Protein backbone atom coordinates (compact mmCIF):
# COMPACT_ATOMS: atom_id res chain seq x y z
CA MET A 1 28.95 83.64 1.26
CA ASP A 2 25.77 82.61 -0.48
CA ASP A 3 27.20 79.21 -1.46
CA LEU A 4 27.79 78.10 2.13
CA ASN A 5 24.32 79.15 3.20
CA SER A 6 22.62 77.40 0.27
CA MET A 7 23.10 74.02 1.98
CA LEU A 8 21.17 75.10 5.08
CA GLU A 9 17.81 73.38 5.49
CA PRO A 10 15.01 73.68 8.05
CA GLY A 11 15.90 71.90 11.26
CA MET A 12 19.65 72.41 10.97
CA ILE A 13 21.47 74.01 13.91
CA VAL A 14 23.69 77.04 13.26
CA ARG A 15 25.66 79.81 14.93
CA HIS A 16 25.92 83.44 13.82
CA PRO A 17 29.65 84.23 13.41
CA ASP A 18 29.32 87.80 14.71
CA ARG A 19 26.78 87.19 17.47
CA PRO A 20 27.95 84.33 19.73
CA ASP A 21 25.72 85.77 22.48
CA TRP A 22 22.67 84.61 20.45
CA GLY A 23 23.62 80.98 21.12
CA LEU A 24 22.60 78.15 18.85
CA GLY A 25 19.83 78.65 16.34
CA GLN A 26 17.55 76.34 14.40
CA VAL A 27 16.97 77.12 10.72
CA GLN A 28 13.27 77.66 10.05
CA SER A 29 13.48 78.43 6.33
CA ASN A 30 15.94 79.29 3.57
CA VAL A 31 14.30 81.09 0.64
CA LYS A 32 16.23 83.05 -1.99
CA GLY A 33 19.12 83.79 0.35
CA LYS A 34 16.97 84.91 3.27
CA ILE A 35 17.45 82.50 6.15
CA THR A 36 15.05 82.57 9.08
CA VAL A 37 16.66 81.23 12.25
CA ASN A 38 15.21 80.86 15.74
CA PHE A 39 18.10 81.56 18.13
CA ARG A 40 17.90 80.41 21.77
CA GLU A 41 18.89 83.76 23.23
CA GLU A 42 17.62 86.19 20.55
CA GLY A 43 14.50 84.64 19.08
CA LYS A 44 13.53 84.61 15.42
CA VAL A 45 15.89 86.50 13.10
CA VAL A 46 15.95 86.79 9.31
CA ILE A 47 19.54 86.66 8.02
CA ASP A 48 20.60 87.98 4.61
CA GLY A 49 22.81 85.16 3.34
CA ALA A 50 24.58 87.54 0.95
CA HIS A 51 26.14 89.31 3.95
CA VAL A 52 26.49 86.64 6.65
CA SER A 53 27.74 83.05 6.43
CA LEU A 54 26.10 81.08 9.20
CA ILE A 55 28.14 78.30 10.79
CA PRO A 56 26.52 74.85 10.78
CA VAL A 57 26.76 72.96 14.08
CA PHE A 58 26.80 69.18 13.80
CA ASP A 59 27.54 68.18 17.39
CA ALA A 60 24.79 70.05 19.24
């Protein structure tokens, strides 16, 4: 899972695969596998990239 998340950079838009109710999120930072994302419906969340592969959104 870590490999997919390693490409995420600040400003990119993502979805959480297990929490569609959070809506789209904007990556704030990606440091050592900890990805901070500001989701529209949930707010700021720190994701452990070793356990969750975020889904990049390119058409948002």
